[in-house]
Amino acid sequence: MNSENTKLCKGPCGQVKVLSDFYDSRQGNAVYKFAQCKVCCGERTKQHQADNKGQWAVYGHHRNIRRHYGVEPEQYDAMGNEQGWVCAICGNPTATGHRLAVDHDHTTHRVRGLLCESCNNGLGRFKDSPELLRLAALYLEREYTPPSPPKLKRKGRPPKAPNYCIVSGCGRTDSYKDYCQKHYFQMRRASVESELPVSTIEA
């Protein structure tokens, strides 16, 4: 490996690596390479983030508002102080550990104020439309009574088919267990008499 294209990492790995494994460090017109390789720099950054979570959270927030809204940290703090660090719509502070969101016009990108998460999401769901919000307010304020439910007709049982007596020539429809009342009791009487002793029948 050509020594002109390599460099000894002064980080924990201590390995000789190609120059492309090191970040560039610009000082004026001159370009230098970091003393530690990219892997060692990454591990050092991860450890620093773990040891300083609060500091990195503030740094990430400042970076996001600069990138997405063009707002400097000093401007954000001035807006928060002006609003008393409460939502510009509902007047409530945010939950512990949460920052007020920067509200902006999605068409012109003009910053409008600081809102809590609920109000900021609510405006987005109403598409930032004042007309929709007015209609929503009228909807909430109206007095409305739902109509009575329609009366459903109960379905009755289908008519039962008539049962005819099975005794030949009878034809009665008031049958009970395949017999009309007359022939049913005659059948029962004959059945009982057949089970009695002969002495009882003669008596």
Protein backbone atom coordinates (compact mmCIF):
# COMPACT_ATOMS: atom_id res chain seq x y z
CA MET A 1 0.00 0.00 0.00
CA ASN A 2 1.41 3.38 -1.08
CA SER A 3 2.26 5.51 1.99
CA GLU A 4 1.27 8.70 0.15
CA ASN A 5 -2.34 7.47 -0.07
CA THR A 6 -2.53 6.14 3.49
CA LYS A 7 -2.61 7.58 6.98
CA LEU A 8 -2.29 6.22 10.50
CA CYS A 9 -5.45 6.69 12.53
CA LYS A 10 -4.73 8.24 15.92
CA GLY A 11 -8.04 7.02 17.27
CA PRO A 12 -8.83 3.84 19.19
CA CYS A 13 -8.38 1.57 16.15
CA GLY A 14 -4.78 2.72 15.46
CA GLN A 15 -4.87 1.26 11.96
CA VAL A 16 -3.26 2.46 8.75
CA LYS A 17 -6.06 3.32 6.32
CA VAL A 18 -6.49 4.94 2.91
CA LEU A 19 -7.08 8.70 2.88
CA SER A 20 -10.70 8.28 1.75
CA ASP A 21 -11.41 6.75 5.20
CA PHE A 22 -10.71 10.14 6.83
CA TYR A 23 -12.87 13.27 6.82
CA ASP A 24 -11.58 16.46 5.21
CA SER A 25 -10.73 19.42 7.43
CA ARG A 26 -10.63 22.76 5.58
CA GLN A 27 -8.58 25.63 6.95
CA GLY A 28 -8.69 28.50 4.50
CA ASN A 29 -7.66 27.19 1.10
CA ALA A 30 -5.82 24.24 2.59
CA VAL A 31 -7.43 20.82 3.00
CA TYR A 32 -6.24 18.47 5.72
CA LYS A 33 -7.37 15.07 6.92
CA PHE A 34 -8.78 14.40 10.37
CA ALA A 35 -6.41 12.69 12.77
CA GLN A 36 -8.99 9.96 13.42
CA CYS A 37 -10.69 7.83 10.76
CA LYS A 38 -14.42 8.03 10.02
CA VAL A 39 -15.19 4.93 12.08
CA CYS A 40 -13.42 6.27 15.18
CA CYS A 41 -15.05 9.69 14.72
CA GLY A 42 -18.47 8.03 14.52
CA GLU A 43 -17.89 6.04 17.68
CA ARG A 44 -16.70 9.15 19.49
CA THR A 45 -19.80 11.07 18.38
CA LYS A 46 -22.13 8.28 19.53
CA GLN A 47 -20.49 8.23 22.94
CA HIS A 48 -20.71 12.01 23.24
CA GLN A 49 -24.41 11.91 22.32
CA ALA A 50 -25.05 9.26 24.96
CA ASP A 51 -23.24 11.29 27.61
CA ASN A 52 -24.84 14.63 26.65
CA LYS A 53 -28.41 13.86 25.52
CA GLY A 54 -29.82 17.22 26.60
CA GLN A 55 -27.16 19.20 24.76
CA TRP A 56 -27.64 17.18 21.58
CA ALA A 57 -31.44 17.56 21.79
CA VAL A 58 -31.08 21.34 21.84
CA TYR A 59 -28.60 21.19 18.98
CA GLY A 60 -30.98 19.01 16.92
CA HIS A 61 -33.91 21.37 17.56
CA HIS A 62 -31.89 24.42 16.50
CA ARG A 63 -30.76 22.62 13.36
CA ASN A 64 -34.33 21.62 12.44
CA ILE A 65 -35.89 25.07 12.83
CA ARG A 66 -33.06 26.60 10.77
CA ARG A 67 -33.38 24.01 8.01
CA HIS A 68 -37.18 23.77 7.76
CA TYR A 69 -38.38 27.27 8.73
CA GLY A 70 -35.36 29.57 8.47
CA VAL A 71 -35.78 30.50 12.14
CA GLU A 72 -32.73 31.16 14.29
CA PRO A 73 -32.70 29.97 17.92
CA GLU A 74 -32.77 33.59 19.13
CA GLN A 75 -35.92 34.23 17.05
CA TYR A 76 -37.57 31.11 18.43
CA ASP A 77 -36.84 32.18 21.99
CA ALA A 78 -38.19 35.69 21.29
CA MET A 79 -41.44 34.24 19.89
CA GLY A 80 -41.79 31.95 22.90
CA ASN A 81 -41.27 34.80 25.35
CA GLU A 82 -43.79 36.94 23.48
CA GLN A 83 -46.42 34.18 23.76
CA GLY A 84 -45.54 33.34 27.35
CA TRP A 85 -44.46 29.88 26.17
CA VAL A 86 -48.05 28.79 25.59
CA CYS A 87 -49.88 27.83 22.40
CA ALA A 88 -51.02 30.82 20.30
CA ILE A 89 -54.45 29.18 19.78
CA CYS A 90 -55.51 27.24 22.90
CA GLY A 91 -53.27 29.10 25.37
CA ASN A 92 -52.04 25.88 26.98
CA PRO A 93 -48.41 24.97 27.58
CA THR A 94 -47.00 21.86 25.96
CA ALA A 95 -46.49 18.58 27.76
CA THR A 96 -43.32 18.19 29.77
CA GLY A 97 -40.33 17.59 27.53
CA HIS A 98 -42.05 18.88 24.37
CA ARG A 99 -41.36 22.16 22.60
CA LEU A 100 -43.86 24.42 20.89
CA ALA A 101 -44.03 23.67 17.17
CA VAL A 102 -43.24 26.33 14.59
CA ASP A 103 -46.42 26.94 12.57
CA HIS A 104 -45.97 28.23 9.03
CA ASP A 105 -47.92 28.77 5.82
CA HIS A 106 -47.22 25.80 3.55
CA THR A 107 -47.66 27.97 0.44
CA THR A 108 -45.73 31.12 1.32
CA HIS A 109 -43.57 29.50 4.07
CA ARG A 110 -44.35 32.48 6.29
CA VAL A 111 -43.93 31.71 9.98
CA ARG A 112 -47.16 32.45 11.88
CA GLY A 113 -46.36 31.55 15.48
CA LEU A 114 -45.76 28.73 17.94
CA LEU A 115 -48.43 26.10 18.57
CA CYS A 116 -48.87 23.02 20.69
CA GLU A 117 -48.80 19.68 18.93
CA SER A 118 -52.60 19.22 18.98
CA CYS A 119 -53.41 22.63 17.48
CA ASN A 120 -50.64 22.35 14.91
CA ASN A 121 -51.92 18.94 13.77
CA GLY A 122 -55.50 20.23 13.79
CA LEU A 123 -54.69 23.06 11.37
CA GLY A 124 -52.97 20.59 9.09
CA ARG A 125 -55.98 18.26 9.07
CA PHE A 126 -58.20 21.19 8.11
CA LYS A 127 -55.73 21.97 5.30
CA ASP A 128 -54.97 25.40 6.82
CA SER A 129 -58.34 26.54 5.43
CA PRO A 130 -60.10 29.35 7.39
CA GLU A 131 -63.35 28.47 5.57
CA LEU A 132 -63.24 24.86 6.75
CA LEU A 133 -62.50 25.99 10.29
CA ARG A 134 -65.49 28.39 10.23
CA LEU A 135 -67.76 25.59 9.01
CA ALA A 136 -66.43 23.34 11.75
CA ALA A 137 -67.24 26.03 14.36
CA LEU A 138 -70.79 26.40 13.01
CA TYR A 139 -71.19 22.64 13.08
CA LEU A 140 -70.18 22.46 16.74
CA GLU A 141 -72.46 25.35 17.73
CA ARG A 142 -75.63 24.16 15.99
CA GLU A 143 -78.52 22.51 17.83
CA TYR A 144 -79.31 19.18 16.28
CA THR A 145 -81.74 16.43 17.23
CA PRO A 146 -81.34 13.15 15.39
CA PRO A 147 -84.50 11.78 13.73
CA SER A 148 -86.46 9.02 15.43
CA PRO A 149 -85.62 5.54 14.23
CA PRO A 150 -88.18 4.04 11.81
CA LYS A 151 -90.64 1.55 13.25
CA LEU A 152 -89.90 -1.84 11.84
CA LYS A 153 -92.75 -4.24 11.20
CA ARG A 154 -92.37 -7.42 13.12
CA LYS A 155 -92.46 -10.47 11.01
CA GLY A 156 -95.14 -12.86 12.31
CA ARG A 157 -94.89 -16.58 12.24
CA PRO A 158 -96.01 -18.21 8.99
CA PRO A 159 -99.43 -19.90 9.19
CA LYS A 160 -99.22 -23.46 10.32
CA ALA A 161 -100.39 -26.07 7.86
CA PRO A 162 -103.52 -27.92 9.11
CA ASN A 163 -103.09 -31.47 10.40
CA TYR A 164 -105.70 -33.97 9.31
CA CYS A 165 -106.77 -36.95 11.34
CA ILE A 166 -105.23 -40.13 9.94
CA VAL A 167 -108.32 -42.20 10.63
CA SER A 168 -109.79 -43.12 7.25
CA GLY A 169 -112.91 -41.17 6.42
CA CYS A 170 -112.56 -38.72 9.36
CA GLY A 171 -111.11 -35.63 7.65
CA ARG A 172 -111.10 -33.46 10.81
CA THR A 173 -108.39 -30.80 11.03
CA ASP A 174 -108.31 -30.36 14.82
CA SER A 175 -105.86 -33.23 15.02
CA TYR A 176 -103.62 -33.92 18.01
CA LYS A 177 -100.67 -36.20 17.37
CA ASP A 178 -102.10 -37.38 14.03
CA TYR A 179 -105.62 -37.94 15.48
CA CYS A 180 -108.60 -35.70 15.98
CA GLN A 181 -109.73 -35.27 19.57
CA LYS A 182 -112.46 -37.95 19.32
CA HIS A 183 -110.28 -40.66 17.79
CA TYR A 184 -107.29 -39.75 20.00
CA PHE A 185 -109.20 -40.47 23.22
CA GLN A 186 -110.73 -43.60 21.72
CA MET A 187 -107.24 -44.80 20.88
CA ARG A 188 -105.98 -44.00 24.40
CA ARG A 189 -108.96 -45.82 26.01
CA ALA A 190 -108.36 -48.93 23.93
CA SER A 191 -104.69 -48.86 24.80
CA VAL A 192 -105.37 -48.63 28.54
CA GLU A 193 -107.99 -51.40 28.45
CA SER A 194 -105.59 -53.72 26.65
CA GLU A 195 -103.11 -53.35 29.50
CA LEU A 196 -105.62 -54.14 32.32
CA PRO A 197 -105.97 -57.71 33.77
CA VAL A 198 -108.85 -59.85 32.44
CA SER A 199 -110.59 -59.83 35.86
CA THR A 200 -110.62 -56.00 35.88
CA ILE A 201 -112.09 -55.80 32.38
CA GLU A 202 -114.86 -58.23 33.18
CA ALA A 203 -115.67 -56.32 36.31
